[in-house]
Amino acid sequence: MSSSETTEESVIVALTGASGSAYGLRLIQRLAQAGIVQHILLSDAARVVLKQEIDLELSSDAGNSAVELARHLDISVSLLRCYALKDWFSPTASGSAGIRRMVVVPCSMGTLARIANGISDNLIERAADVMLKERRQLILVPRETPLSAIHLENMLKLSRMGVDILPAMPAFYNRPQSINELIDFLVDRLLDHLNIANPTAKQWGVNE
């Protein structure tokens, strides 16, 4: 087993009900291409958004969801571990499992608020709570506009706890020619923050 397949080197990727499901799917694909094992968590609202934005309808069965995701993204299903939202025996539910990184992409304001206030009603919120209490890496990708004072206060609260807040904000200095390039811009930043080798990423002042 390579280092990227150990529990410590794996990544939790959670998708919630905010718009921007393409970001989450692309991250899953890129991590799999790098050989990283992923623990996939999907909220009920995320499944609705995937159907609306991507025309991807996933099975409610966790095992089938992994197969369907792998087929859709053309990646190996052996790198995906999907769990039901109430699977409290999932390794994502406990700090003793040793998973050290988690990304919520996209992150709804409801999920962000519950994480900020220590509410753990489902496995996504519990996994995030584990990252916080164990002082491990948690990255949230909020996608909402405009932002209310409540949203901003919750983000500030989490940032002060050491959470990385990477809003789904596209950039145009690299002159993107497609939606996929806009998606990859954000995913490249996520891979950088996860400290995963990403030689194709465009860098300011380098890839001109």
Protein backbone atom coordinates (compact mmCIF):
# COMPACT_ATOMS: atom_id res chain seq x y z
CA MET A 1 0.00 0.00 0.00
CA SER A 2 1.45 3.38 -1.04
CA SER A 3 1.54 6.36 1.31
CA SER A 4 -1.32 7.99 -0.60
CA GLU A 5 -3.53 5.00 0.27
CA THR A 6 -3.05 5.16 4.02
CA THR A 7 -5.75 6.57 6.26
CA GLU A 8 -3.51 9.46 7.26
CA GLU A 9 -2.97 10.53 3.65
CA SER A 10 -6.58 10.12 2.53
CA VAL A 11 -8.98 13.05 2.17
CA ILE A 12 -12.61 13.51 3.16
CA VAL A 13 -14.55 15.26 0.39
CA ALA A 14 -18.04 16.42 1.28
CA LEU A 15 -20.60 17.95 -1.08
CA THR A 16 -23.54 19.93 0.29
CA GLY A 17 -26.52 21.71 -1.22
CA ALA A 18 -24.91 24.93 -2.40
CA SER A 19 -24.59 25.57 -6.11
CA GLY A 20 -21.22 24.54 -7.54
CA SER A 21 -21.33 20.74 -7.53
CA ALA A 22 -18.93 20.75 -10.50
CA TYR A 23 -16.18 21.96 -8.14
CA GLY A 24 -16.66 18.97 -5.86
CA LEU A 25 -16.75 16.48 -8.73
CA ARG A 26 -13.62 17.92 -10.30
CA LEU A 27 -11.77 17.76 -6.98
CA ILE A 28 -12.74 14.11 -6.57
CA GLN A 29 -11.51 13.40 -10.09
CA ARG A 30 -8.20 15.22 -9.63
CA LEU A 31 -7.51 13.58 -6.27
CA ALA A 32 -8.21 10.16 -7.77
CA GLN A 33 -5.88 10.91 -10.67
CA ALA A 34 -3.21 11.64 -8.04
CA GLY A 35 -3.90 8.24 -6.44
CA ILE A 36 -5.48 9.66 -3.28
CA VAL A 37 -8.08 7.60 -1.43
CA GLN A 38 -11.18 9.64 -0.66
CA HIS A 39 -13.99 9.36 1.86
CA ILE A 40 -17.03 10.80 0.07
CA LEU A 41 -19.93 12.37 1.97
CA LEU A 42 -23.02 13.67 0.17
CA SER A 43 -25.84 15.58 1.80
CA ASP A 44 -29.40 14.98 0.61
CA ALA A 45 -29.43 18.49 -0.85
CA ALA A 46 -26.14 17.80 -2.66
CA ARG A 47 -27.82 14.92 -4.49
CA VAL A 48 -30.60 17.28 -5.60
CA VAL A 49 -28.06 19.85 -6.83
CA LEU A 50 -26.05 17.18 -8.71
CA LYS A 51 -29.21 16.17 -10.54
CA GLN A 52 -30.09 19.81 -11.33
CA GLU A 53 -26.63 21.05 -12.35
CA ILE A 54 -24.91 17.95 -13.76
CA ASP A 55 -27.79 15.59 -14.62
CA LEU A 56 -26.08 13.10 -12.32
CA GLU A 57 -28.51 11.05 -10.25
CA LEU A 58 -26.74 8.94 -7.64
CA SER A 59 -28.11 5.89 -5.88
CA SER A 60 -29.06 6.21 -2.22
CA ASP A 61 -26.90 3.13 -1.58
CA ALA A 62 -23.37 4.19 -0.61
CA GLY A 63 -21.65 1.39 -2.49
CA ASN A 64 -23.58 2.05 -5.67
CA SER A 65 -22.89 5.78 -5.35
CA ALA A 66 -19.14 5.09 -5.40
CA VAL A 67 -19.49 3.01 -8.57
CA GLU A 68 -21.64 5.65 -10.26
CA LEU A 69 -19.26 8.47 -9.32
CA ALA A 70 -16.26 6.52 -10.57
CA ARG A 71 -18.01 5.78 -13.85
CA HIS A 72 -19.09 9.40 -14.34
CA LEU A 73 -15.60 10.76 -13.60
CA ASP A 74 -13.69 7.95 -15.33
CA ILE A 75 -11.66 7.11 -12.23
CA SER A 76 -10.97 3.96 -10.22
CA VAL A 77 -13.73 3.03 -7.79
CA SER A 78 -11.07 1.46 -5.56
CA LEU A 79 -10.09 4.99 -4.46
CA LEU A 80 -13.59 5.98 -3.34
CA ARG A 81 -15.28 5.23 -0.02
CA CYS A 82 -18.87 6.51 0.17
CA TYR A 83 -20.89 6.56 3.41
CA ALA A 84 -24.49 7.17 4.39
CA LEU A 85 -25.10 10.37 6.35
CA LYS A 86 -26.01 8.44 9.49
CA ASP A 87 -23.18 5.87 9.28
CA TRP A 88 -21.66 6.64 12.65
CA PHE A 89 -19.28 3.68 12.28
CA SER A 90 -17.60 5.42 9.34
CA PRO A 91 -13.92 6.26 9.97
CA THR A 92 -14.82 9.90 9.25
CA ALA A 93 -16.79 10.00 12.51
CA SER A 94 -13.82 9.55 14.84
CA GLY A 95 -10.47 11.21 15.37
CA SER A 96 -8.93 7.83 16.13
CA ALA A 97 -9.21 6.88 12.44
CA GLY A 98 -6.38 9.31 11.74
CA ILE A 99 -7.80 11.08 8.69
CA ARG A 100 -6.11 14.47 8.63
CA ARG A 101 -7.72 16.45 5.79
CA MET A 102 -11.27 17.41 4.83
CA VAL A 103 -12.79 19.63 2.15
CA VAL A 104 -16.44 20.68 1.99
CA VAL A 105 -17.03 21.75 -1.63
CA PRO A 106 -19.40 23.37 -2.22
CA CYS A 107 -20.31 24.36 1.32
CA SER A 108 -23.80 25.68 1.97
CA MET A 109 -24.36 28.43 4.50
CA GLY A 110 -26.46 26.04 6.58
CA THR A 111 -23.65 23.50 6.79
CA LEU A 112 -21.13 26.25 7.51
CA ALA A 113 -23.31 27.60 10.33
CA ARG A 114 -23.73 24.19 11.93
CA ILE A 115 -19.98 23.49 11.74
CA ALA A 116 -19.24 26.91 13.26
CA ASN A 117 -21.52 26.15 16.19
CA GLY A 118 -20.54 22.54 16.86
CA ILE A 119 -23.81 20.99 15.69
CA SER A 120 -23.30 17.44 14.42
CA ASP A 121 -26.59 16.06 13.14
CA ASN A 122 -25.08 14.17 10.21
CA LEU A 123 -21.78 12.65 9.16
CA ILE A 124 -20.58 15.74 7.26
CA GLU A 125 -20.97 17.92 10.33
CA ARG A 126 -19.49 15.27 12.61
CA ALA A 127 -16.46 14.79 10.34
CA ALA A 128 -15.88 18.55 10.31
CA ASP A 129 -16.21 18.63 14.10
CA VAL A 130 -13.56 15.91 14.30
CA MET A 131 -11.19 18.00 12.17
CA LEU A 132 -11.72 20.97 14.48
CA LYS A 133 -11.31 19.12 17.75
CA GLU A 134 -8.22 17.26 16.53
CA ARG A 135 -6.78 20.48 15.07
CA ARG A 136 -6.51 18.96 11.60
CA GLN A 137 -7.01 20.56 8.20
CA LEU A 138 -10.52 21.65 7.29
CA ILE A 139 -11.19 23.57 4.07
CA LEU A 140 -14.62 25.05 3.34
CA VAL A 141 -15.64 26.31 -0.09
CA PRO A 142 -18.69 28.54 0.47
CA ARG A 143 -20.82 29.49 -2.54
CA GLU A 144 -23.44 32.12 -1.80
CA THR A 145 -24.19 35.70 -2.78
CA PRO A 146 -24.85 38.16 -1.33
CA LEU A 147 -23.43 37.27 2.07
CA SER A 148 -25.34 38.28 5.19
CA ALA A 149 -23.70 39.43 8.41
CA ILE A 150 -24.50 35.99 9.87
CA HIS A 151 -22.61 34.27 7.04
CA LEU A 152 -19.61 36.56 7.46
CA GLU A 153 -19.55 36.18 11.25
CA ASN A 154 -19.63 32.38 10.94
CA MET A 155 -16.76 32.43 8.43
CA LEU A 156 -14.72 34.73 10.68
CA LYS A 157 -15.38 32.46 13.65
CA LEU A 158 -14.17 29.41 11.70
CA SER A 159 -11.17 31.25 10.26
CA ARG A 160 -10.08 32.13 13.78
CA MET A 161 -10.24 28.40 14.61
CA GLY A 162 -7.79 27.68 11.80
CA VAL A 163 -10.25 26.67 9.10
CA ASP A 164 -9.26 27.55 5.53
CA ILE A 165 -12.07 29.48 3.82
CA LEU A 166 -11.69 29.29 0.03
CA PRO A 167 -14.79 30.86 -1.54
CA ALA A 168 -15.79 29.69 -5.00
CA MET A 169 -14.53 32.87 -6.66
CA PRO A 170 -13.29 32.50 -10.25
CA ALA A 171 -10.31 34.53 -11.46
CA PHE A 172 -9.77 35.98 -14.92
CA TYR A 173 -6.12 37.07 -14.95
CA ASN A 174 -5.23 33.76 -16.63
CA ARG A 175 -7.78 34.50 -19.39
CA PRO A 176 -9.92 31.37 -19.07
CA GLN A 177 -11.51 30.15 -22.30
CA SER A 178 -14.04 27.74 -20.82
CA ILE A 179 -16.10 26.92 -17.75
CA ASN A 180 -13.78 23.98 -17.11
CA GLU A 181 -10.84 26.37 -16.81
CA LEU A 182 -12.75 28.42 -14.24
CA ILE A 183 -13.49 25.24 -12.28
CA ASP A 184 -9.87 24.10 -12.49
CA PHE A 185 -8.64 27.45 -11.14
CA LEU A 186 -10.40 26.82 -7.83
CA VAL A 187 -9.54 23.12 -7.74
CA ASP A 188 -5.86 23.95 -8.32
CA ARG A 189 -5.98 26.20 -5.26
CA LEU A 190 -7.59 23.42 -3.22
CA LEU A 191 -4.89 20.95 -4.26
CA ASP A 192 -2.21 23.48 -3.31
CA HIS A 193 -3.74 23.95 0.14
CA LEU A 194 -3.96 20.17 0.55
CA ASN A 195 -0.24 20.05 -0.28
CA ILE A 196 -0.81 17.66 -3.17
CA ALA A 197 1.59 17.81 -6.11
CA ASN A 198 -0.06 19.79 -8.88
CA PRO A 199 2.48 20.50 -11.64
CA THR A 200 -0.12 21.61 -14.22
CA ALA A 201 -1.49 24.47 -12.08
CA LYS A 202 -1.08 27.94 -13.54
CA GLN A 203 1.06 30.14 -11.30
CA TRP A 204 1.13 33.92 -11.25
CA GLY A 205 4.22 35.18 -13.06
CA VAL A 206 5.23 31.66 -14.13
CA ASN A 207 2.67 30.26 -16.57
CA GLU A 208 2.39 33.14 -18.99
